[in-house]
């Protein structure tokens, strides 16, 4: 599909305070898109908004909160008059052996990455129907292949991939297009946070090429922008991810065999491993929930 100009369109980006969301907002803004930033870090969101080239605004909201996201959708419509693009990007991660994982952190990964994506879509679908717009769900290589020590993240990203494919079939006749964005290990706070654990870092480095590399953020986000311009059903942040689709049926057995060997190798070093949310985004999520409870 050929690219279309994004000039004058209105985009909502969740998880926009940092990483993929922040850079995506900047690149969309440079193309004349008006951007609504949504996240849990109001000061950071304000700073991002102030640096954008086009009209923008920001909203503090937990993507798992249906009432909050419904309010945000209404306020974005009032502020900008329409919504053409929604990028469900907000996400968190944890790592470590499932049996020893923090149950609350494990559940939170599912809540933010899967339930939060569905809440986001539910809130904004009425506006996307009006504009015959585009919803892009950010997934991951973790949706294509399982990985030990990442049970919650793989489950959540597999879930959002399947959910988005199902939703595409439901709303296509209404003029709404739905895409899934796939990213491998990309240089963000989340990946850097995971790499702070020595075992997680070494496990990743032992993956087969090219999945053992950390990729720069800029080119990945450029590919996402191109996917938005084409309203693509599938968007690949790294070139080789497209080829993974053809072999994904073989990956669970392969990872099951190789993963057992690697886990046996690392078993003595797993005691006391931190299993909470990783990275600055994970810290922001934990702080926001602590504030809500107090």
C-alpha atoms as a PDB file:
ATOM      1  CA  UNK A   1       0.000   0.000   0.000  1.00  0.00           C
ATOM      2  CA  UNK A   2       1.295   3.457  -0.862  1.00  0.00           C
ATOM      3  CA  UNK A   3       2.058   5.965   1.846  1.00  0.00           C
ATOM      4  CA  UNK A   4      -0.331   8.799   2.600  1.00  0.00           C
ATOM      5  CA  UNK A   5       0.484  12.192   4.046  1.00  0.00           C
ATOM      6  CA  UNK A   6      -0.051  12.441   7.799  1.00  0.00           C
ATOM      7  CA  UNK A   7      -0.208  16.239   7.755  1.00  0.00           C
ATOM      8  CA  UNK A   8      -3.076  17.500   9.926  1.00  0.00           C
ATOM      9  CA  UNK A   9      -3.988  14.107  11.351  1.00  0.00           C
ATOM     10  CA  UNK A  10      -4.418  13.528  15.088  1.00  0.00           C
ATOM     11  CA  UNK A  11      -2.552  10.677  16.774  1.00  0.00           C
ATOM     12  CA  UNK A  12      -2.847   9.273  20.290  1.00  0.00           C
ATOM     13  CA  UNK A  13       0.283   7.563  21.634  1.00  0.00           C
ATOM     14  CA  UNK A  14       0.195   5.688  24.936  1.00  0.00           C
ATOM     15  CA  UNK A  15       3.363   5.105  26.933  1.00  0.00           C
ATOM     16  CA  UNK A  16       4.626   8.341  25.414  1.00  0.00           C
ATOM     17  CA  UNK A  17       6.932   9.569  28.196  1.00  0.00           C
ATOM     18  CA  UNK A  18       9.984   7.688  26.959  1.00  0.00           C
ATOM     19  CA  UNK A  19      11.369   5.117  24.549  1.00  0.00           C
ATOM     20  CA  UNK A  20       9.386   4.086  21.499  1.00  0.00           C
ATOM     21  CA  UNK A  21       6.390   6.246  22.434  1.00  0.00           C
ATOM     22  CA  UNK A  22       8.398   9.422  22.965  1.00  0.00           C
ATOM     23  CA  UNK A  23      10.417   9.131  19.755  1.00  0.00           C
ATOM     24  CA  UNK A  24       7.340   8.112  17.771  1.00  0.00           C
ATOM     25  CA  UNK A  25       5.539  11.219  19.002  1.00  0.00           C
ATOM     26  CA  UNK A  26       8.458  13.378  17.865  1.00  0.00           C
ATOM     27  CA  UNK A  27       8.658  11.782  14.428  1.00  0.00           C
ATOM     28  CA  UNK A  28       4.901  12.020  13.887  1.00  0.00           C
ATOM     29  CA  UNK A  29       4.964  15.643  15.009  1.00  0.00           C
ATOM     30  CA  UNK A  30       7.713  16.393  12.490  1.00  0.00           C
ATOM     31  CA  UNK A  31       5.294  15.191   9.787  1.00  0.00           C
ATOM     32  CA  UNK A  32       2.609  17.629  10.873  1.00  0.00           C
ATOM     33  CA  UNK A  33       0.630  15.269  13.094  1.00  0.00           C
ATOM     34  CA  UNK A  34      -1.114  16.682  16.160  1.00  0.00           C
ATOM     35  CA  UNK A  35      -0.207  14.394  19.033  1.00  0.00           C
ATOM     36  CA  UNK A  36      -2.017  13.430  22.237  1.00  0.00           C
ATOM     37  CA  UNK A  37       0.444  11.905  24.707  1.00  0.00           C
ATOM     38  CA  UNK A  38      -0.847   9.482  27.345  1.00  0.00           C
ATOM     39  CA  UNK A  39       1.118   7.989  30.235  1.00  0.00           C
ATOM     40  CA  UNK A  40       1.885   7.840  33.933  1.00  0.00           C
ATOM     41  CA  UNK A  41       4.637  10.476  34.115  1.00  0.00           C
ATOM     42  CA  UNK A  42       3.013  13.916  33.806  1.00  0.00           C
ATOM     43  CA  UNK A  43       6.234  15.913  34.109  1.00  0.00           C
ATOM     44  CA  UNK A  44       7.989  13.828  31.451  1.00  0.00           C
ATOM     45  CA  UNK A  45       4.915  13.962  29.201  1.00  0.00           C
ATOM     46  CA  UNK A  46       4.802  17.732  29.531  1.00  0.00           C
ATOM     47  CA  UNK A  47       8.459  17.977  28.548  1.00  0.00           C
ATOM     48  CA  UNK A  48       7.898  15.758  25.525  1.00  0.00           C
ATOM     49  CA  UNK A  49       4.882  17.833  24.501  1.00  0.00           C
ATOM     50  CA  UNK A  50       6.828  21.077  24.772  1.00  0.00           C
ATOM     51  CA  UNK A  51       9.516  19.752  22.409  1.00  0.00           C
ATOM     52  CA  UNK A  52       7.137  18.693  19.652  1.00  0.00           C
ATOM     53  CA  UNK A  53       6.929  20.613  16.388  1.00  0.00           C
ATOM     54  CA  UNK A  54       3.144  20.501  16.049  1.00  0.00           C
ATOM     55  CA  UNK A  55       0.120  21.083  18.260  1.00  0.00           C
ATOM     56  CA  UNK A  56       0.118  18.605  21.140  1.00  0.00           C
ATOM     57  CA  UNK A  57      -1.160  17.951  24.631  1.00  0.00           C
ATOM     58  CA  UNK A  58      -0.706  15.330  27.326  1.00  0.00           C
ATOM     59  CA  UNK A  59      -2.905  13.286  29.657  1.00  0.00           C
ATOM     60  CA  UNK A  60      -2.081  11.374  32.826  1.00  0.00           C
ATOM     61  CA  UNK A  61      -3.899   8.048  32.763  1.00  0.00           C
ATOM     62  CA  UNK A  62      -3.413   4.380  33.581  1.00  0.00           C
ATOM     63  CA  UNK A  63      -4.257   2.464  30.406  1.00  0.00           C
ATOM     64  CA  UNK A  64      -5.859  -0.310  32.479  1.00  0.00           C
ATOM     65  CA  UNK A  65      -8.431   2.133  33.909  1.00  0.00           C
ATOM     66  CA  UNK A  66     -11.497   2.081  31.647  1.00  0.00           C
ATOM     67  CA  UNK A  67     -13.088   5.195  33.142  1.00  0.00           C
ATOM     68  CA  UNK A  68      -9.854   7.169  32.898  1.00  0.00           C
ATOM     69  CA  UNK A  69      -9.235   6.193  29.279  1.00  0.00           C
ATOM     70  CA  UNK A  70     -12.840   6.926  28.317  1.00  0.00           C
ATOM     71  CA  UNK A  71     -12.391  10.381  29.833  1.00  0.00           C
ATOM     72  CA  UNK A  72      -9.125  10.859  27.948  1.00  0.00           C
ATOM     73  CA  UNK A  73     -10.796   9.915  24.657  1.00  0.00           C
ATOM     74  CA  UNK A  74     -13.551  12.476  25.237  1.00  0.00           C
ATOM     75  CA  UNK A  75     -11.039  15.180  26.157  1.00  0.00           C
ATOM     76  CA  UNK A  76      -8.813  14.433  23.169  1.00  0.00           C
ATOM     77  CA  UNK A  77     -11.856  14.715  20.896  1.00  0.00           C
ATOM     78  CA  UNK A  78     -12.760  18.035  22.515  1.00  0.00           C
ATOM     79  CA  UNK A  79      -9.183  19.306  22.265  1.00  0.00           C
ATOM     80  CA  UNK A  80      -8.391  18.267  18.682  1.00  0.00           C
ATOM     81  CA  UNK A  81     -11.809  17.583  17.137  1.00  0.00           C
ATOM     82  CA  UNK A  82     -11.006  14.056  15.959  1.00  0.00           C
ATOM     83  CA  UNK A  83      -8.652  11.075  16.277  1.00  0.00           C
ATOM     84  CA  UNK A  84      -7.143   9.459  13.179  1.00  0.00           C
ATOM     85  CA  UNK A  85      -4.406   7.252  14.668  1.00  0.00           C
ATOM     86  CA  UNK A  86      -4.078   5.394  17.962  1.00  0.00           C
ATOM     87  CA  UNK A  87      -0.824   3.668  18.885  1.00  0.00           C
ATOM     88  CA  UNK A  88      -1.247   1.288  21.834  1.00  0.00           C
ATOM     89  CA  UNK A  89       2.368   1.318  22.933  1.00  0.00           C
ATOM     90  CA  UNK A  90       2.240   1.360  26.754  1.00  0.00           C
ATOM     91  CA  UNK A  91       3.976  -1.674  28.193  1.00  0.00           C
ATOM     92  CA  UNK A  92       5.983  -3.050  31.102  1.00  0.00           C
ATOM     93  CA  UNK A  93       8.122  -6.148  31.579  1.00  0.00           C
ATOM     94  CA  UNK A  94       9.606  -8.374  34.208  1.00  0.00           C
ATOM     95  CA  UNK A  95      11.975 -11.306  34.058  1.00  0.00           C
ATOM     96  CA  UNK A  96      13.085 -14.357  35.975  1.00  0.00           C
ATOM     97  CA  UNK A  97      11.895 -17.901  36.634  1.00  0.00           C
ATOM     98  CA  UNK A  98       8.102 -18.184  36.678  1.00  0.00           C
ATOM     99  CA  UNK A  99       7.997 -20.267  39.865  1.00  0.00           C
ATOM    100  CA  UNK A 100       9.909 -17.608  41.797  1.00  0.00           C
ATOM    101  CA  UNK A 101       8.381 -14.554  40.143  1.00  0.00           C
ATOM    102  CA  UNK A 102       6.613 -11.781  42.014  1.00  0.00           C
ATOM    103  CA  UNK A 103       2.919 -12.631  41.472  1.00  0.00           C
ATOM    104  CA  UNK A 104       1.867  -8.970  41.471  1.00  0.00           C
ATOM    105  CA  UNK A 105       4.521  -7.958  38.938  1.00  0.00           C
ATOM    106  CA  UNK A 106       3.634 -10.944  36.732  1.00  0.00           C
ATOM    107  CA  UNK A 107      -0.040 -10.003  36.799  1.00  0.00           C
ATOM    108  CA  UNK A 108       0.745  -6.341  36.164  1.00  0.00           C
ATOM    109  CA  UNK A 109       2.593  -7.175  32.933  1.00  0.00           C
ATOM    110  CA  UNK A 110      -0.543  -8.910  31.668  1.00  0.00           C
ATOM    111  CA  UNK A 111      -2.768  -6.072  32.871  1.00  0.00           C
ATOM    112  CA  UNK A 112      -0.796  -3.263  31.237  1.00  0.00           C
ATOM    113  CA  UNK A 113       0.278  -4.961  28.029  1.00  0.00           C
ATOM    114  CA  UNK A 114      -2.892  -6.906  27.205  1.00  0.00           C
ATOM    115  CA  UNK A 115      -5.796  -5.491  29.208  1.00  0.00           C
ATOM    116  CA  UNK A 116      -4.461  -1.940  28.855  1.00  0.00           C
ATOM    117  CA  UNK A 117      -4.305  -2.319  25.079  1.00  0.00           C
ATOM    118  CA  UNK A 118      -7.900  -3.532  24.968  1.00  0.00           C
ATOM    119  CA  UNK A 119      -9.050  -0.701  27.232  1.00  0.00           C
ATOM    120  CA  UNK A 120      -7.274   1.782  24.959  1.00  0.00           C
ATOM    121  CA  UNK A 121      -8.966   0.387  21.866  1.00  0.00           C
ATOM    122  CA  UNK A 122     -12.370   0.287  23.530  1.00  0.00           C
ATOM    123  CA  UNK A 123     -12.075   3.950  24.531  1.00  0.00           C
ATOM    124  CA  UNK A 124     -10.966   5.205  21.119  1.00  0.00           C
ATOM    125  CA  UNK A 125     -12.772   2.930  18.654  1.00  0.00           C
ATOM    126  CA  UNK A 126     -15.822   5.218  18.408  1.00  0.00           C
ATOM    127  CA  UNK A 127     -13.532   8.055  17.299  1.00  0.00           C
ATOM    128  CA  UNK A 128     -11.621   5.808  14.879  1.00  0.00           C
ATOM    129  CA  UNK A 129     -14.923   4.760  13.315  1.00  0.00           C
ATOM    130  CA  UNK A 130     -15.777   8.418  12.765  1.00  0.00           C
ATOM    131  CA  UNK A 131     -12.434   9.110  11.070  1.00  0.00           C
ATOM    132  CA  UNK A 132     -12.082   5.681   9.411  1.00  0.00           C
ATOM    133  CA  UNK A 133      -8.758   5.651  11.200  1.00  0.00           C
ATOM    134  CA  UNK A 134      -5.919   3.335  12.136  1.00  0.00           C
ATOM    135  CA  UNK A 135      -5.088   1.455  15.345  1.00  0.00           C
ATOM    136  CA  UNK A 136      -1.531   0.184  15.713  1.00  0.00           C
ATOM    137  CA  UNK A 137      -0.921  -2.326  18.479  1.00  0.00           C
ATOM    138  CA  UNK A 138       2.729  -2.605  19.475  1.00  0.00           C
ATOM    139  CA  UNK A 139       3.653  -6.248  20.025  1.00  0.00           C
ATOM    140  CA  UNK A 140       7.108  -7.825  20.013  1.00  0.00           C
ATOM    141  CA  UNK A 141       9.356 -10.614  18.861  1.00  0.00           C
ATOM    142  CA  UNK A 142       8.015 -12.166  22.080  1.00  0.00           C
ATOM    143  CA  UNK A 143       4.676 -12.644  20.286  1.00  0.00           C
ATOM    144  CA  UNK A 144       6.371 -14.771  17.627  1.00  0.00           C
ATOM    145  CA  UNK A 145       8.669 -16.895  19.748  1.00  0.00           C
ATOM    146  CA  UNK A 146       8.548 -17.996  23.397  1.00  0.00           C
ATOM    147  CA  UNK A 147      11.509 -17.368  25.682  1.00  0.00           C
ATOM    148  CA  UNK A 148      12.409 -18.722  29.121  1.00  0.00           C
ATOM    149  CA  UNK A 149      12.435 -16.212  31.981  1.00  0.00           C
ATOM    150  CA  UNK A 150       9.877 -14.054  30.119  1.00  0.00           C
ATOM    151  CA  UNK A 151       6.599 -15.892  30.691  1.00  0.00           C
ATOM    152  CA  UNK A 152       4.453 -12.840  31.457  1.00  0.00           C
ATOM    153  CA  UNK A 153       5.872 -10.698  28.669  1.00  0.00           C
ATOM    154  CA  UNK A 154       5.583 -13.449  26.039  1.00  0.00           C
ATOM    155  CA  UNK A 155       2.036 -14.249  27.155  1.00  0.00           C
ATOM    156  CA  UNK A 156       0.996 -10.597  27.035  1.00  0.00           C
ATOM    157  CA  UNK A 157       2.520  -9.907  23.619  1.00  0.00           C
ATOM    158  CA  UNK A 158       1.116 -13.104  22.133  1.00  0.00           C
ATOM    159  CA  UNK A 159      -2.205 -11.998  23.548  1.00  0.00           C
ATOM    160  CA  UNK A 160      -2.161  -8.534  22.019  1.00  0.00           C
ATOM    161  CA  UNK A 161      -1.139  -9.959  18.657  1.00  0.00           C
ATOM    162  CA  UNK A 162      -4.088 -12.371  18.627  1.00  0.00           C
ATOM    163  CA  UNK A 163      -6.474  -9.728  19.966  1.00  0.00           C
ATOM    164  CA  UNK A 164      -5.443  -7.225  17.290  1.00  0.00           C
ATOM    165  CA  UNK A 165      -5.803  -9.775  14.487  1.00  0.00           C
ATOM    166  CA  UNK A 166      -9.296 -10.615  15.759  1.00  0.00           C
ATOM    167  CA  UNK A 167     -10.234  -6.949  16.055  1.00  0.00           C
ATOM    168  CA  UNK A 168      -9.052  -6.269  12.493  1.00  0.00           C
ATOM    169  CA  UNK A 169     -11.651  -8.699  11.195  1.00  0.00           C
ATOM    170  CA  UNK A 170     -14.391  -7.069  13.276  1.00  0.00           C
ATOM    171  CA  UNK A 171     -13.873  -3.417  12.359  1.00  0.00           C
ATOM    172  CA  UNK A 172     -12.461  -3.518   8.843  1.00  0.00           C
ATOM    173  CA  UNK A 173     -15.873  -3.117   7.233  1.00  0.00           C
ATOM    174  CA  UNK A 174     -16.308   0.074   9.293  1.00  0.00           C
ATOM    175  CA  UNK A 175     -13.238   1.605   7.662  1.00  0.00           C
ATOM    176  CA  UNK A 176     -10.954   1.093  10.652  1.00  0.00           C
ATOM    177  CA  UNK A 177      -7.637  -0.579   9.919  1.00  0.00           C
ATOM    178  CA  UNK A 178      -5.724  -2.442  12.635  1.00  0.00           C
ATOM    179  CA  UNK A 179      -2.001  -3.147  12.553  1.00  0.00           C
ATOM    180  CA  UNK A 180       0.429  -5.081  14.729  1.00  0.00           C
ATOM    181  CA  UNK A 181       3.935  -3.710  15.255  1.00  0.00           C
ATOM    182  CA  UNK A 182       6.780  -6.130  16.007  1.00  0.00           C
ATOM    183  CA  UNK A 183      10.025  -5.081  17.679  1.00  0.00           C
ATOM    184  CA  UNK A 184      13.050  -7.120  18.646  1.00  0.00           C
ATOM    185  CA  UNK A 185      15.404  -5.995  21.412  1.00  0.00           C
ATOM    186  CA  UNK A 186      15.519  -2.239  20.904  1.00  0.00           C
ATOM    187  CA  UNK A 187      17.555   0.323  22.818  1.00  0.00           C
ATOM    188  CA  UNK A 188      14.978   1.534  25.345  1.00  0.00           C
ATOM    189  CA  UNK A 189      14.841   1.937  29.112  1.00  0.00           C
ATOM    190  CA  UNK A 190      12.948  -1.365  29.323  1.00  0.00           C
ATOM    191  CA  UNK A 191      15.668  -3.352  27.558  1.00  0.00           C
ATOM    192  CA  UNK A 192      18.447  -1.551  29.415  1.00  0.00           C
ATOM    193  CA  UNK A 193      16.630  -2.285  32.673  1.00  0.00           C
ATOM    194  CA  UNK A 194      16.416  -5.990  31.833  1.00  0.00           C
ATOM    195  CA  UNK A 195      20.104  -6.004  30.932  1.00  0.00           C
ATOM    196  CA  UNK A 196      20.999  -4.821  34.422  1.00  0.00           C
ATOM    197  CA  UNK A 197      20.435  -8.399  35.533  1.00  0.00           C
ATOM    198  CA  UNK A 198      23.518 -10.400  34.630  1.00  0.00           C
ATOM    199  CA  UNK A 199      21.666 -13.652  33.936  1.00  0.00           C
ATOM    200  CA  UNK A 200      19.042 -12.021  31.698  1.00  0.00           C
ATOM    201  CA  UNK A 201      21.768 -10.208  29.786  1.00  0.00           C
ATOM    202  CA  UNK A 202      23.830 -13.365  29.245  1.00  0.00           C
ATOM    203  CA  UNK A 203      20.799 -15.413  28.239  1.00  0.00           C
ATOM    204  CA  UNK A 204      19.909 -12.864  25.603  1.00  0.00           C
ATOM    205  CA  UNK A 205      23.464 -12.732  24.297  1.00  0.00           C
ATOM    206  CA  UNK A 206      23.350 -16.497  23.802  1.00  0.00           C
ATOM    207  CA  UNK A 207      20.337 -16.296  21.506  1.00  0.00           C
ATOM    208  CA  UNK A 208      21.023 -17.052  17.823  1.00  0.00           C
ATOM    209  CA  UNK A 209      21.846 -14.167  15.505  1.00  0.00           C
ATOM    210  CA  UNK A 210      20.150 -11.799  14.742  1.00  0.00           C
ATOM    211  CA  UNK A 211      17.943 -12.021  17.838  1.00  0.00           C
ATOM    212  CA  UNK A 212      20.888 -11.592  20.219  1.00  0.00           C
ATOM    213  CA  UNK A 213      21.531  -7.952  19.322  1.00  0.00           C
ATOM    214  CA  UNK A 214      20.159  -4.701  20.705  1.00  0.00           C
ATOM    215  CA  UNK A 215      18.992  -2.510  17.836  1.00  0.00           C
ATOM    216  CA  UNK A 216      19.009   1.299  17.719  1.00  0.00           C
ATOM    217  CA  UNK A 217      15.714   2.996  18.446  1.00  0.00           C
ATOM    218  CA  UNK A 218      15.667   5.493  15.578  1.00  0.00           C
ATOM    219  CA  UNK A 219      15.483   3.117  12.599  1.00  0.00           C
ATOM    220  CA  UNK A 220      12.884   0.972  14.367  1.00  0.00           C
ATOM    221  CA  UNK A 221      10.624   3.970  14.938  1.00  0.00           C
ATOM    222  CA  UNK A 222      11.157   5.108  11.341  1.00  0.00           C
ATOM    223  CA  UNK A 223       9.743   1.750  10.250  1.00  0.00           C
ATOM    224  CA  UNK A 224       6.773   2.230  12.565  1.00  0.00           C
ATOM    225  CA  UNK A 225       6.077   5.657  11.072  1.00  0.00           C
ATOM    226  CA  UNK A 226       6.241   4.165   7.575  1.00  0.00           C
ATOM    227  CA  UNK A 227       3.766   1.503   8.684  1.00  0.00           C
ATOM    228  CA  UNK A 228       1.404   4.170   9.990  1.00  0.00           C
ATOM    229  CA  UNK A 229       1.668   6.042   6.695  1.00  0.00           C
ATOM    230  CA  UNK A 230       0.662   2.837   4.882  1.00  0.00           C
ATOM    231  CA  UNK A 231      -1.901   1.793   7.526  1.00  0.00           C
ATOM    232  CA  UNK A 232      -0.153  -1.579   7.422  1.00  0.00           C
ATOM    233  CA  UNK A 233      -1.519  -4.763   8.948  1.00  0.00           C
ATOM    234  CA  UNK A 234       2.008  -5.786   9.974  1.00  0.00           C
ATOM    235  CA  UNK A 235       4.850  -3.426  10.873  1.00  0.00           C
ATOM    236  CA  UNK A 236       8.362  -4.717  11.516  1.00  0.00           C
ATOM    237  CA  UNK A 237      10.791  -2.591  13.512  1.00  0.00           C
ATOM    238  CA  UNK A 238      13.726  -4.708  12.295  1.00  0.00           C
ATOM    239  CA  UNK A 239      13.981  -6.075   8.747  1.00  0.00           C
ATOM    240  CA  UNK A 240      14.477  -9.728   9.688  1.00  0.00           C
ATOM    241  CA  UNK A 241      11.334 -10.022  11.814  1.00  0.00           C
ATOM    242  CA  UNK A 242       9.189 -10.408   8.698  1.00  0.00           C
ATOM    243  CA  UNK A 243      11.020 -13.647   7.919  1.00  0.00           C
ATOM    244  CA  UNK A 244      10.295 -15.003  11.402  1.00  0.00           C
ATOM    245  CA  UNK A 245       6.622 -15.282  10.522  1.00  0.00           C
ATOM    246  CA  UNK A 246       7.324 -18.123   8.131  1.00  0.00           C
ATOM    247  CA  UNK A 247       9.153 -20.270  10.679  1.00  0.00           C
ATOM    248  CA  UNK A 248       7.275 -19.424  13.862  1.00  0.00           C
ATOM    249  CA  UNK A 249       5.556 -22.806  13.977  1.00  0.00           C
ATOM    250  CA  UNK A 250       8.911 -24.499  14.573  1.00  0.00           C
ATOM    251  CA  UNK A 251      10.110 -22.118  17.288  1.00  0.00           C
ATOM    252  CA  UNK A 252       8.370 -23.476  20.426  1.00  0.00           C
ATOM    253  CA  UNK A 253       9.998 -26.893  19.999  1.00  0.00           C
ATOM    254  CA  UNK A 254      13.374 -25.349  19.230  1.00  0.00           C
ATOM    255  CA  UNK A 255      13.234 -22.954  22.175  1.00  0.00           C
ATOM    256  CA  UNK A 256      11.983 -25.753  24.403  1.00  0.00           C
ATOM    257  CA  UNK A 257      15.047 -27.847  23.633  1.00  0.00           C
ATOM    258  CA  UNK A 258      17.640 -25.084  23.699  1.00  0.00           C
ATOM    259  CA  UNK A 259      15.993 -23.322  26.628  1.00  0.00           C
ATOM    260  CA  UNK A 260      16.172 -26.397  28.852  1.00  0.00           C
ATOM    261  CA  UNK A 261      19.893 -26.626  28.247  1.00  0.00           C
ATOM    262  CA  UNK A 262      20.454 -22.948  28.988  1.00  0.00           C
ATOM    263  CA  UNK A 263      18.297 -22.958  32.117  1.00  0.00           C
ATOM    264  CA  UNK A 264      20.251 -25.917  33.463  1.00  0.00           C
ATOM    265  CA  UNK A 265      23.446 -23.985  32.840  1.00  0.00           C
ATOM    266  CA  UNK A 266      22.193 -20.896  34.678  1.00  0.00           C
ATOM    267  CA  UNK A 267      20.254 -22.656  37.469  1.00  0.00           C
ATOM    268  CA  UNK A 268      22.861 -22.079  40.220  1.00  0.00           C
ATOM    269  CA  UNK A 269      22.761 -18.330  39.570  1.00  0.00           C
ATOM    270  CA  UNK A 270      18.989 -17.855  39.696  1.00  0.00           C
ATOM    271  CA  UNK A 271      18.586 -17.745  43.466  1.00  0.00           C
ATOM    272  CA  UNK A 272      17.497 -14.332  44.712  1.00  0.00           C
ATOM    273  CA  UNK A 273      17.020 -12.921  41.231  1.00  0.00           C
ATOM    274  CA  UNK A 274      14.887  -9.752  41.150  1.00  0.00           C
ATOM    275  CA  UNK A 275      11.573 -10.445  39.422  1.00  0.00           C
ATOM    276  CA  UNK A 276       9.789  -7.091  39.641  1.00  0.00           C
ATOM    277  CA  UNK A 277       9.076  -4.669  36.788  1.00  0.00           C
ATOM    278  CA  UNK A 278      12.193  -3.493  34.969  1.00  0.00           C
ATOM    279  CA  UNK A 279      13.385  -0.139  33.701  1.00  0.00           C
ATOM    280  CA  UNK A 280      12.281   3.428  34.301  1.00  0.00           C
ATOM    281  CA  UNK A 281       8.831   2.694  32.906  1.00  0.00           C
ATOM    282  CA  UNK A 282       8.393  -0.141  35.383  1.00  0.00           C
ATOM    283  CA  UNK A 283       9.442   2.143  38.222  1.00  0.00           C
ATOM    284  CA  UNK A 284       6.948   4.780  37.074  1.00  0.00           C
ATOM    285  CA  UNK A 285       4.168   2.198  37.008  1.00  0.00           C
ATOM    286  CA  UNK A 286       5.005   0.963  40.508  1.00  0.00           C
ATOM    287  CA  UNK A 287       5.150   4.525  41.832  1.00  0.00           C
ATOM    288  CA  UNK A 288       1.817   5.432  40.242  1.00  0.00           C
ATOM    289  CA  UNK A 289       0.106   2.424  41.782  1.00  0.00           C
ATOM    290  CA  UNK A 290       1.642   3.157  45.173  1.00  0.00           C
ATOM    291  CA  UNK A 291       0.270   6.704  44.964  1.00  0.00           C
ATOM    292  CA  UNK A 292      -3.183   5.409  44.068  1.00  0.00           C
ATOM    293  CA  UNK A 293      -3.172   3.090  47.085  1.00  0.00           C
ATOM    294  CA  UNK A 294      -2.075   5.789  49.544  1.00  0.00           C
END
